[in-house]
């Protein structure tokens, strides 16, 4: 759905190659996946669901790997800078509001 929205509103061609090359799409994916991880981890902390928290941490790990492998390949664009800053801020929010639930 995010790729389709980027196609209609952002002018990104709806092909895998164009989406992979688009800085706007890569930034949007990084921020969206980080927000999903934030939601999962905060929910898991509130309900003491350690496995859900670990799944959110795994998703966040995938985002960080994507940032270094995909986003650093096209360094210097504003989209890359925004993605690093936004994911960094979301990491700070996750660290503040979502500690690891205790083992049972």
PDB file of N, CA and C in Angstrom:
ATOM      1  N   UNK A   1       0.820  -1.190   0.000  1.00  0.00           N
ATOM      2  CA  UNK A   1       0.000   0.000   0.000  1.00  0.00           C
ATOM      3  C   UNK A   1       0.869   1.261   0.000  1.00  0.00           C
ATOM      4  N   UNK A   2       1.983   1.195   0.723  1.00  0.00           N
ATOM      5  CA  UNK A   2       2.877   2.352   0.750  1.00  0.00           C
ATOM      6  C   UNK A   2       3.477   2.613  -0.631  1.00  0.00           C
ATOM      7  N   UNK A   3       3.884   1.561  -1.315  1.00  0.00           N
ATOM      8  CA  UNK A   3       4.450   1.739  -2.660  1.00  0.00           C
ATOM      9  C   UNK A   3       3.407   2.289  -3.621  1.00  0.00           C
ATOM     10  N   UNK A   4       2.173   1.841  -3.491  1.00  0.00           N
ATOM     11  CA  UNK A   4       1.094   2.338  -4.352  1.00  0.00           C
ATOM     12  C   UNK A   4       0.820   3.817  -4.059  1.00  0.00           C
ATOM     13  N   UNK A   5       0.825   4.196  -2.794  1.00  0.00           N
ATOM     14  CA  UNK A   5       0.630   5.600  -2.433  1.00  0.00           C
ATOM     15  C   UNK A   5       1.771   6.468  -2.971  1.00  0.00           C
ATOM     16  N   UNK A   6       3.005   5.951  -2.898  1.00  0.00           N
ATOM     17  CA  UNK A   6       4.137   6.698  -3.450  1.00  0.00           C
ATOM     18  C   UNK A   6       4.034   6.833  -4.961  1.00  0.00           C
ATOM     19  N   UNK A   7       3.456   5.831  -5.594  1.00  0.00           N
ATOM     20  CA  UNK A   7       3.251   5.899  -7.037  1.00  0.00           C
ATOM     21  C   UNK A   7       2.262   7.004  -7.396  1.00  0.00           C
ATOM     22  N   UNK A   8       1.164   7.073  -6.659  1.00  0.00           N
ATOM     23  CA  UNK A   8       0.133   8.069  -6.974  1.00  0.00           C
ATOM     24  C   UNK A   8       0.504   9.473  -6.515  1.00  0.00           C
ATOM     25  N   UNK A   9       1.010   9.607  -5.310  1.00  0.00           N
ATOM     26  CA  UNK A   9       1.259  10.943  -4.758  1.00  0.00           C
ATOM     27  C   UNK A   9       2.680  11.437  -4.927  1.00  0.00           C
ATOM     28  N   UNK A  10       3.638  10.501  -5.033  1.00  0.00           N
ATOM     29  CA  UNK A  10       5.032  10.912  -5.131  1.00  0.00           C
ATOM     30  C   UNK A  10       5.618  10.819  -6.520  1.00  0.00           C
ATOM     31  N   UNK A  11       4.855  10.258  -7.456  1.00  0.00           N
ATOM     32  CA  UNK A  11       5.333  10.162  -8.820  1.00  0.00           C
ATOM     33  C   UNK A  11       6.380   9.074  -9.049  1.00  0.00           C
ATOM     34  N   UNK A  12       6.464   8.100  -8.138  1.00  0.00           N
ATOM     35  CA  UNK A  12       7.415   7.007  -8.282  1.00  0.00           C
ATOM     36  C   UNK A  12       6.778   5.945  -9.189  1.00  0.00           C
ATOM     37  N   UNK A  13       7.468   5.552 -10.224  1.00  0.00           N
ATOM     38  CA  UNK A  13       6.950   4.528 -11.124  1.00  0.00           C
ATOM     39  C   UNK A  13       6.749   3.237 -10.348  1.00  0.00           C
ATOM     40  N   UNK A  14       5.647   2.544 -10.626  1.00  0.00           N
ATOM     41  CA  UNK A  14       5.278   1.363  -9.845  1.00  0.00           C
ATOM     42  C   UNK A  14       5.915   0.099 -10.428  1.00  0.00           C
ATOM     43  N   UNK A  15       7.239   0.073 -10.420  1.00  0.00           N
ATOM     44  CA  UNK A  15       7.994  -1.117 -10.787  1.00  0.00           C
ATOM     45  C   UNK A  15       9.026  -1.363  -9.690  1.00  0.00           C
ATOM     46  N   UNK A  16       9.418  -2.617  -9.475  1.00  0.00           N
ATOM     47  CA  UNK A  16      10.395  -2.887  -8.417  1.00  0.00           C
ATOM     48  C   UNK A  16      11.706  -2.120  -8.593  1.00  0.00           C
ATOM     49  N   UNK A  17      12.177  -1.993  -9.829  1.00  0.00           N
ATOM     50  CA  UNK A  17      13.437  -1.294 -10.067  1.00  0.00           C
ATOM     51  C   UNK A  17      13.333   0.187  -9.716  1.00  0.00           C
ATOM     52  N   UNK A  18      12.246   0.812 -10.138  1.00  0.00           N
ATOM     53  CA  UNK A  18      12.068   2.242  -9.870  1.00  0.00           C
ATOM     54  C   UNK A  18      11.881   2.504  -8.386  1.00  0.00           C
ATOM     55  N   UNK A  19      11.161   1.634  -7.716  1.00  0.00           N
ATOM     56  CA  UNK A  19      10.955   1.805  -6.274  1.00  0.00           C
ATOM     57  C   UNK A  19      12.277   1.625  -5.537  1.00  0.00           C
ATOM     58  N   UNK A  20      13.073   0.646  -5.959  1.00  0.00           N
ATOM     59  CA  UNK A  20      14.369   0.414  -5.316  1.00  0.00           C
ATOM     60  C   UNK A  20      15.313   1.587  -5.526  1.00  0.00           C
ATOM     61  N   UNK A  21      15.261   2.241  -6.678  1.00  0.00           N
ATOM     62  CA  UNK A  21      16.149   3.374  -6.970  1.00  0.00           C
ATOM     63  C   UNK A  21      15.651   4.694  -6.399  1.00  0.00           C
ATOM     64  N   UNK A  22      14.387   4.766  -6.015  1.00  0.00           N
ATOM     65  CA  UNK A  22      13.817   6.026  -5.553  1.00  0.00           C
ATOM     66  C   UNK A  22      14.231   6.337  -4.114  1.00  0.00           C
ATOM     67  N   UNK A  23      14.807   7.499  -3.934  1.00  0.00           N
ATOM     68  CA  UNK A  23      15.167   7.931  -2.582  1.00  0.00           C
ATOM     69  C   UNK A  23      13.949   8.164  -1.711  1.00  0.00           C
ATOM     70  N   UNK A  24      12.888   8.694  -2.316  1.00  0.00           N
ATOM     71  CA  UNK A  24      11.647   8.926  -1.578  1.00  0.00           C
ATOM     72  C   UNK A  24      11.056   7.609  -1.083  1.00  0.00           C
ATOM     73  N   UNK A  25      11.065   6.591  -1.926  1.00  0.00           N
ATOM     74  CA  UNK A  25      10.512   5.290  -1.524  1.00  0.00           C
ATOM     75  C   UNK A  25      11.362   4.658  -0.435  1.00  0.00           C
ATOM     76  N   UNK A  26      12.660   4.701  -0.567  1.00  0.00           N
ATOM     77  CA  UNK A  26      13.528   4.088   0.441  1.00  0.00           C
ATOM     78  C   UNK A  26      13.410   4.802   1.788  1.00  0.00           C
ATOM     79  N   UNK A  27      13.308   6.113   1.765  1.00  0.00           N
ATOM     80  CA  UNK A  27      13.103   6.864   3.005  1.00  0.00           C
ATOM     81  C   UNK A  27      11.761   6.526   3.624  1.00  0.00           C
ATOM     82  N   UNK A  28      10.737   6.446   2.803  1.00  0.00           N
ATOM     83  CA  UNK A  28       9.403   6.126   3.302  1.00  0.00           C
ATOM     84  C   UNK A  28       9.358   4.732   3.912  1.00  0.00           C
ATOM     85  N   UNK A  29       9.999   3.764   3.262  1.00  0.00           N
ATOM     86  CA  UNK A  29      10.030   2.410   3.807  1.00  0.00           C
ATOM     87  C   UNK A  29      10.765   2.365   5.143  1.00  0.00           C
ATOM     88  N   UNK A  30      11.884   3.041   5.235  1.00  0.00           N
ATOM     89  CA  UNK A  30      12.658   3.036   6.485  1.00  0.00           C
ATOM     90  C   UNK A  30      11.854   3.644   7.631  1.00  0.00           C
ATOM     91  N   UNK A  31      11.198   4.762   7.380  1.00  0.00           N
ATOM     92  CA  UNK A  31      10.422   5.414   8.437  1.00  0.00           C
ATOM     93  C   UNK A  31       9.190   4.596   8.781  1.00  0.00           C
ATOM     94  N   UNK A  32       8.505   4.052   7.786  1.00  0.00           N
ATOM     95  CA  UNK A  32       7.307   3.253   8.037  1.00  0.00           C
ATOM     96  C   UNK A  32       7.637   1.999   8.838  1.00  0.00           C
ATOM     97  N   UNK A  33       8.698   1.290   8.452  1.00  0.00           N
ATOM     98  CA  UNK A  33       9.077   0.077   9.184  1.00  0.00           C
ATOM     99  C   UNK A  33       9.526   0.414  10.602  1.00  0.00           C
ATOM    100  N   UNK A  34      10.187   1.557  10.782  1.00  0.00           N
ATOM    101  CA  UNK A  34      10.586   1.977  12.129  1.00  0.00           C
ATOM    102  C   UNK A  34       9.371   2.307  12.981  1.00  0.00           C
ATOM    103  N   UNK A  35       8.364   2.937  12.383  1.00  0.00           N
ATOM    104  CA  UNK A  35       7.132   3.221  13.123  1.00  0.00           C
ATOM    105  C   UNK A  35       6.394   1.934  13.485  1.00  0.00           C
ATOM    106  N   UNK A  36       6.397   0.945  12.591  1.00  0.00           N
ATOM    107  CA  UNK A  36       5.799  -0.353  12.922  1.00  0.00           C
ATOM    108  C   UNK A  36       6.534  -1.006  14.088  1.00  0.00           C
ATOM    109  N   UNK A  37       7.854  -0.950  14.065  1.00  0.00           N
ATOM    110  CA  UNK A  37       8.640  -1.512  15.162  1.00  0.00           C
ATOM    111  C   UNK A  37       8.353  -0.768  16.465  1.00  0.00           C
ATOM    112  N   UNK A  38       8.239   0.554  16.400  1.00  0.00           N
ATOM    113  CA  UNK A  38       7.919   1.344  17.590  1.00  0.00           C
ATOM    114  C   UNK A  38       6.579   0.923  18.172  1.00  0.00           C
ATOM    115  N   UNK A  39       5.572   0.807  17.335  1.00  0.00           N
ATOM    116  CA  UNK A  39       4.239   0.405  17.811  1.00  0.00           C
ATOM    117  C   UNK A  39       4.274  -0.979  18.443  1.00  0.00           C
ATOM    118  N   UNK A  40       4.946  -1.910  17.784  1.00  0.00           N
ATOM    119  CA  UNK A  40       5.024  -3.276  18.312  1.00  0.00           C
ATOM    120  C   UNK A  40       5.758  -3.307  19.644  1.00  0.00           C
ATOM    121  N   UNK A  41       6.841  -2.573  19.748  1.00  0.00           N
ATOM    122  CA  UNK A  41       7.647  -2.615  20.963  1.00  0.00           C
ATOM    123  C   UNK A  41       6.967  -1.910  22.131  1.00  0.00           C
ATOM    124  N   UNK A  42       6.297  -0.804  21.870  1.00  0.00           N
ATOM    125  CA  UNK A  42       5.573  -0.120  22.953  1.00  0.00           C
ATOM    126  C   UNK A  42       4.398  -0.973  23.419  1.00  0.00           C
ATOM    127  N   UNK A  43       3.665  -1.560  22.483  1.00  0.00           N
ATOM    128  CA  UNK A  43       2.561  -2.447  22.843  1.00  0.00           C
ATOM    129  C   UNK A  43       3.066  -3.644  23.640  1.00  0.00           C
ATOM    130  N   UNK A  44       4.187  -4.204  23.221  1.00  0.00           N
ATOM    131  CA  UNK A  44       4.756  -5.350  23.929  1.00  0.00           C
ATOM    132  C   UNK A  44       5.203  -4.981  25.333  1.00  0.00           C
ATOM    133  N   UNK A  45       5.742  -3.790  25.509  1.00  0.00           N
ATOM    134  CA  UNK A  45       6.154  -3.349  26.837  1.00  0.00           C
ATOM    135  C   UNK A  45       4.944  -3.159  27.745  1.00  0.00           C
ATOM    136  N   UNK A  46       3.877  -2.588  27.215  1.00  0.00           N
ATOM    137  CA  UNK A  46       2.679  -2.354  28.022  1.00  0.00           C
ATOM    138  C   UNK A  46       2.010  -3.657  28.453  1.00  0.00           C
ATOM    139  N   UNK A  47       2.107  -4.676  27.603  1.00  0.00           N
ATOM    140  CA  UNK A  47       1.415  -5.939  27.888  1.00  0.00           C
ATOM    141  C   UNK A  47       2.359  -7.069  28.279  1.00  0.00           C
ATOM    142  N   UNK A  48       3.614  -6.755  28.528  1.00  0.00           N
ATOM    143  CA  UNK A  48       4.631  -7.742  28.911  1.00  0.00           C
ATOM    144  C   UNK A  48       4.715  -8.907  27.933  1.00  0.00           C
ATOM    145  N   UNK A  49       4.795  -8.600  26.653  1.00  0.00           N
ATOM    146  CA  UNK A  49       4.904  -9.603  25.601  1.00  0.00           C
ATOM    147  C   UNK A  49       6.328  -9.569  25.039  1.00  0.00           C
ATOM    148  N   UNK A  50       7.193 -10.334  25.644  1.00  0.00           N
ATOM    149  CA  UNK A  50       8.610 -10.297  25.279  1.00  0.00           C
ATOM    150  C   UNK A  50       8.841 -10.729  23.829  1.00  0.00           C
ATOM    151  N   UNK A  51       8.142 -11.738  23.340  1.00  0.00           N
ATOM    152  CA  UNK A  51       8.358 -12.218  21.976  1.00  0.00           C
ATOM    153  C   UNK A  51       7.958 -11.154  20.948  1.00  0.00           C
ATOM    154  N   UNK A  52       6.898 -10.423  21.214  1.00  0.00           N
ATOM    155  CA  UNK A  52       6.487  -9.345  20.305  1.00  0.00           C
ATOM    156  C   UNK A  52       7.534  -8.239  20.321  1.00  0.00           C
ATOM    157  N   UNK A  53       8.079  -7.952  21.500  1.00  0.00           N
ATOM    158  CA  UNK A  53       9.118  -6.934  21.610  1.00  0.00           C
ATOM    159  C   UNK A  53      10.337  -7.349  20.797  1.00  0.00           C
ATOM    160  N   UNK A  54      10.711  -8.630  20.884  1.00  0.00           N
ATOM    161  CA  UNK A  54      11.857  -9.123  20.127  1.00  0.00           C
ATOM    162  C   UNK A  54      11.593  -9.090  18.625  1.00  0.00           C
ATOM    163  N   UNK A  55      10.354  -9.342  18.225  1.00  0.00           N
ATOM    164  CA  UNK A  55      10.004  -9.236  16.800  1.00  0.00           C
ATOM    165  C   UNK A  55      10.149  -7.790  16.330  1.00  0.00           C
ATOM    166  N   UNK A  56       9.713  -6.842  17.139  1.00  0.00           N
ATOM    167  CA  UNK A  56       9.897  -5.428  16.802  1.00  0.00           C
ATOM    168  C   UNK A  56      11.364  -5.049  16.740  1.00  0.00           C
ATOM    169  N   UNK A  57      12.155  -5.604  17.653  1.00  0.00           N
ATOM    170  CA  UNK A  57      13.598  -5.342  17.631  1.00  0.00           C
ATOM    171  C   UNK A  57      14.232  -5.940  16.381  1.00  0.00           C
ATOM    172  N   UNK A  58      13.754  -7.108  15.954  1.00  0.00           N
ATOM    173  CA  UNK A  58      14.256  -7.710  14.724  1.00  0.00           C
ATOM    174  C   UNK A  58      13.935  -6.858  13.508  1.00  0.00           C
ATOM    175  N   UNK A  59      12.709  -6.323  13.468  1.00  0.00           N
ATOM    176  CA  UNK A  59      12.325  -5.434  12.374  1.00  0.00           C
ATOM    177  C   UNK A  59      13.192  -4.181  12.375  1.00  0.00           C
ATOM    178  N   UNK A  60      13.462  -3.664  13.551  1.00  0.00           N
ATOM    179  CA  UNK A  60      14.324  -2.486  13.659  1.00  0.00           C
ATOM    180  C   UNK A  60      15.748  -2.811  13.205  1.00  0.00           C
ATOM    181  N   UNK A  61      16.213  -4.012  13.510  1.00  0.00           N
ATOM    182  CA  UNK A  61      17.525  -4.442  13.028  1.00  0.00           C
ATOM    183  C   UNK A  61      17.571  -4.502  11.509  1.00  0.00           C
ATOM    184  N   UNK A  62      16.479  -4.989  10.900  1.00  0.00           N
ATOM    185  CA  UNK A  62      16.404  -5.016   9.431  1.00  0.00           C
ATOM    186  C   UNK A  62      16.440  -3.607   8.851  1.00  0.00           C
ATOM    187  N   UNK A  63      15.790  -2.666   9.518  1.00  0.00           N
ATOM    188  CA  UNK A  63      15.803  -1.272   9.059  1.00  0.00           C
ATOM    189  C   UNK A  63      17.219  -0.708   9.117  1.00  0.00           C
ATOM    190  N   UNK A  64      17.926  -1.000  10.188  1.00  0.00           N
ATOM    191  CA  UNK A  64      19.289  -0.476  10.325  1.00  0.00           C
ATOM    192  C   UNK A  64      20.201  -1.085   9.265  1.00  0.00           C
ATOM    193  N   UNK A  65      20.052  -2.386   9.018  1.00  0.00           N
ATOM    194  CA  UNK A  65      20.840  -3.019   7.951  1.00  0.00           C
ATOM    195  C   UNK A  65      20.514  -2.387   6.605  1.00  0.00           C
ATOM    196  N   UNK A  66      19.211  -2.133   6.355  1.00  0.00           N
ATOM    197  CA  UNK A  66      18.794  -1.481   5.111  1.00  0.00           C
ATOM    198  C   UNK A  66      19.394  -0.080   4.994  1.00  0.00           C
ATOM    199  N   UNK A  67      19.427   0.643   6.098  1.00  0.00           N
ATOM    200  CA  UNK A  67      20.013   1.985   6.066  1.00  0.00           C
ATOM    201  C   UNK A  67      21.467   1.944   5.622  1.00  0.00           C
ATOM    202  N   UNK A  68      22.218   0.999   6.143  1.00  0.00           N
ATOM    203  CA  UNK A  68      23.639   0.956   5.814  1.00  0.00           C
ATOM    204  C   UNK A  68      23.903   0.360   4.437  1.00  0.00           C
ATOM    205  N   UNK A  69      23.117  -0.632   4.016  1.00  0.00           N
ATOM    206  CA  UNK A  69      23.385  -1.268   2.728  1.00  0.00           C
ATOM    207  C   UNK A  69      22.746  -0.540   1.548  1.00  0.00           C
ATOM    208  N   UNK A  70      21.534  -0.044   1.729  1.00  0.00           N
ATOM    209  CA  UNK A  70      20.811   0.568   0.609  1.00  0.00           C
ATOM    210  C   UNK A  70      20.928   2.089   0.639  1.00  0.00           C
ATOM    211  N   UNK A  71      20.653   2.682   1.773  1.00  0.00           N
ATOM    212  CA  UNK A  71      20.604   4.140   1.832  1.00  0.00           C
ATOM    213  C   UNK A  71      21.985   4.784   1.761  1.00  0.00           C
ATOM    214  N   UNK A  72      23.002   4.139   2.275  1.00  0.00           N
ATOM    215  CA  UNK A  72      24.342   4.713   2.168  1.00  0.00           C
ATOM    216  C   UNK A  72      24.917   4.597   0.764  1.00  0.00           C
ATOM    217  N   UNK A  73      24.332   3.726  -0.069  1.00  0.00           N
ATOM    218  CA  UNK A  73      24.808   3.590  -1.449  1.00  0.00           C
ATOM    219  C   UNK A  73      24.589   4.877  -2.232  1.00  0.00           C
ATOM    220  N   UNK A  74      23.556   5.639  -1.890  1.00  0.00           N
ATOM    221  CA  UNK A  74      23.288   6.902  -2.577  1.00  0.00           C
ATOM    222  C   UNK A  74      23.443   8.066  -1.621  1.00  0.00           C
ATOM    223  N   UNK A  75      24.563   8.128  -0.923  1.00  0.00           N
ATOM    224  CA  UNK A  75      24.760   9.156   0.094  1.00  0.00           C
ATOM    225  C   UNK A  75      24.741  10.553  -0.514  1.00  0.00           C
ATOM    226  N   UNK A  76      24.334  11.492   0.315  1.00  0.00           N
ATOM    227  CA  UNK A  76      24.367  12.878  -0.098  1.00  0.00           C
ATOM    228  C   UNK A  76      23.026  13.473  -0.479  1.00  0.00           C
ATOM    229  N   UNK A  77      22.009  12.656  -0.691  1.00  0.00           N
ATOM    230  CA  UNK A  77      20.713  13.215  -1.048  1.00  0.00           C
ATOM    231  C   UNK A  77      19.925  13.545   0.220  1.00  0.00           C
ATOM    232  N   UNK A  78      18.987  14.441   0.078  1.00  0.00           N
ATOM    233  CA  UNK A  78      18.201  14.874   1.226  1.00  0.00           C
ATOM    234  C   UNK A  78      17.353  13.733   1.776  1.00  0.00           C
ATOM    235  N   UNK A  79      16.889  12.834   0.895  1.00  0.00           N
ATOM    236  CA  UNK A  79      16.082  11.711   1.363  1.00  0.00           C
ATOM    237  C   UNK A  79      16.887  10.801   2.276  1.00  0.00           C
ATOM    238  N   UNK A  80      18.138  10.562   1.944  1.00  0.00           N
ATOM    239  CA  UNK A  80      18.999   9.702   2.773  1.00  0.00           C
ATOM    240  C   UNK A  80      19.233  10.348   4.137  1.00  0.00           C
ATOM    241  N   UNK A  81      19.457  11.624   4.139  1.00  0.00           N
ATOM    242  CA  UNK A  81      19.690  12.329   5.395  1.00  0.00           C
ATOM    243  C   UNK A  81      18.440  12.286   6.263  1.00  0.00           C
ATOM    244  N   UNK A  82      17.282  12.519   5.661  1.00  0.00           N
ATOM    245  CA  UNK A  82      16.024  12.480   6.408  1.00  0.00           C
ATOM    246  C   UNK A  82      15.782  11.092   6.982  1.00  0.00           C
ATOM    247  N   UNK A  83      16.068  10.047   6.208  1.00  0.00           N
ATOM    248  CA  UNK A  83      15.840   8.700   6.716  1.00  0.00           C
ATOM    249  C   UNK A  83      16.744   8.401   7.912  1.00  0.00           C
ATOM    250  N   UNK A  84      18.001   8.791   7.861  1.00  0.00           N
ATOM    251  CA  UNK A  84      18.897   8.550   8.992  1.00  0.00           C
ATOM    252  C   UNK A  84      18.458   9.333  10.223  1.00  0.00           C
ATOM    253  N   UNK A  85      18.093  10.578  10.046  1.00  0.00           N
ATOM    254  CA  UNK A  85      17.675  11.388  11.193  1.00  0.00           C
ATOM    255  C   UNK A  85      16.364  10.862  11.777  1.00  0.00           C
ATOM    256  N   UNK A  86      15.395  10.537  10.926  1.00  0.00           N
ATOM    257  CA  UNK A  86      14.099  10.055  11.415  1.00  0.00           C
ATOM    258  C   UNK A  86      14.234   8.719  12.129  1.00  0.00           C
ATOM    259  N   UNK A  87      14.992   7.794  11.559  1.00  0.00           N
ATOM    260  CA  UNK A  87      15.180   6.494  12.215  1.00  0.00           C
ATOM    261  C   UNK A  87      15.956   6.674  13.508  1.00  0.00           C
ATOM    262  N   UNK A  88      16.930   7.546  13.529  1.00  0.00           N
ATOM    263  CA  UNK A  88      17.668   7.822  14.770  1.00  0.00           C
ATOM    264  C   UNK A  88      16.770   8.376  15.856  1.00  0.00           C
ATOM    265  N   UNK A  89      15.894   9.307  15.501  1.00  0.00           N
ATOM    266  CA  UNK A  89      14.959   9.846  16.497  1.00  0.00           C
ATOM    267  C   UNK A  89      13.981   8.780  16.987  1.00  0.00           C
ATOM    268  N   UNK A  90      13.516   7.928  16.069  1.00  0.00           N
ATOM    269  CA  UNK A  90      12.624   6.849  16.479  1.00  0.00           C
ATOM    270  C   UNK A  90      13.340   5.848  17.380  1.00  0.00           C
ATOM    271  N   UNK A  91      14.625   5.618  17.145  1.00  0.00           N
ATOM    272  CA  UNK A  91      15.397   4.763  18.047  1.00  0.00           C
ATOM    273  C   UNK A  91      15.464   5.362  19.445  1.00  0.00           C
ATOM    274  N   UNK A  92      15.635   6.670  19.527  1.00  0.00           N
ATOM    275  CA  UNK A  92      15.637   7.334  20.839  1.00  0.00           C
ATOM    276  C   UNK A  92      14.281   7.199  21.534  1.00  0.00           C
ATOM    277  N   UNK A  93      13.212   7.359  20.782  1.00  0.00           N
ATOM    278  CA  UNK A  93      11.861   7.217  21.355  1.00  0.00           C
ATOM    279  C   UNK A  93      11.637   5.784  21.826  1.00  0.00           C
ATOM    280  N   UNK A  94      12.059   4.814  21.041  1.00  0.00           N
ATOM    281  CA  UNK A  94      11.902   3.420  21.442  1.00  0.00           C
ATOM    282  C   UNK A  94      12.711   3.142  22.703  1.00  0.00           C
ATOM    283  N   UNK A  95      13.924   3.620  22.749  1.00  0.00           N
ATOM    284  CA  UNK A  95      14.752   3.420  23.941  1.00  0.00           C
ATOM    285  C   UNK A  95      14.166   4.054  25.186  1.00  0.00           C
ATOM    286  N   UNK A  96      13.468   5.156  25.012  1.00  0.00           N
ATOM    287  CA  UNK A  96      12.886   5.857  26.163  1.00  0.00           C
ATOM    288  C   UNK A  96      11.592   5.209  26.636  1.00  0.00           C
ATOM    289  N   UNK A  97      10.702   4.879  25.714  1.00  0.00           N
ATOM    290  CA  UNK A  97       9.365   4.420  26.083  1.00  0.00           C
ATOM    291  C   UNK A  97       9.183   2.910  26.094  1.00  0.00           C
ATOM    292  N   UNK A  98      10.159   2.165  25.609  1.00  0.00           N
ATOM    293  CA  UNK A  98       9.914   0.725  25.451  1.00  0.00           C
ATOM    294  C   UNK A  98      11.089  -0.116  25.923  1.00  0.00           C
ATOM    295  N   UNK A  99      11.280  -0.242  27.238  1.00  0.00           N
ATOM    296  CA  UNK A  99      12.315  -1.146  27.713  1.00  0.00           C
ATOM    297  C   UNK A  99      11.920  -2.599  27.476  1.00  0.00           C
ATOM    298  N   UNK A 100      12.864  -3.483  27.516  1.00  0.00           N
ATOM    299  CA  UNK A 100      12.599  -4.902  27.280  1.00  0.00           C
ATOM    300  C   UNK A 100      11.720  -5.451  28.410  1.00  0.00           C
ATOM    301  N   UNK A 101      10.621  -6.130  28.061  1.00  0.00           N
ATOM    302  CA  UNK A 101       9.809  -6.769  29.113  1.00  0.00           C
ATOM    303  C   UNK A 101      10.626  -7.862  29.817  1.00  0.00           C
ATOM    304  N   UNK A 102      10.413  -8.052  31.099  1.00  0.00           N
ATOM    305  CA  UNK A 102      11.204  -9.051  31.832  1.00  0.00           C
ATOM    306  C   UNK A 102      10.867 -10.476  31.414  1.00  0.00           C
ATOM    307  N   UNK A 103      11.831 -11.373  31.596  1.00  0.00           N
ATOM    308  CA  UNK A 103      11.585 -12.789  31.346  1.00  0.00           C
ATOM    309  C   UNK A 103      10.658 -13.322  32.419  1.00  0.00           C
ATOM    310  N   UNK A 104       9.857 -14.293  32.030  1.00  0.00           N
ATOM    311  CA  UNK A 104       8.927 -14.869  33.022  1.00  0.00           C
ATOM    312  C   UNK A 104       9.451 -16.184  33.535  1.00  0.00           C
TER     313      UNK A 104
END
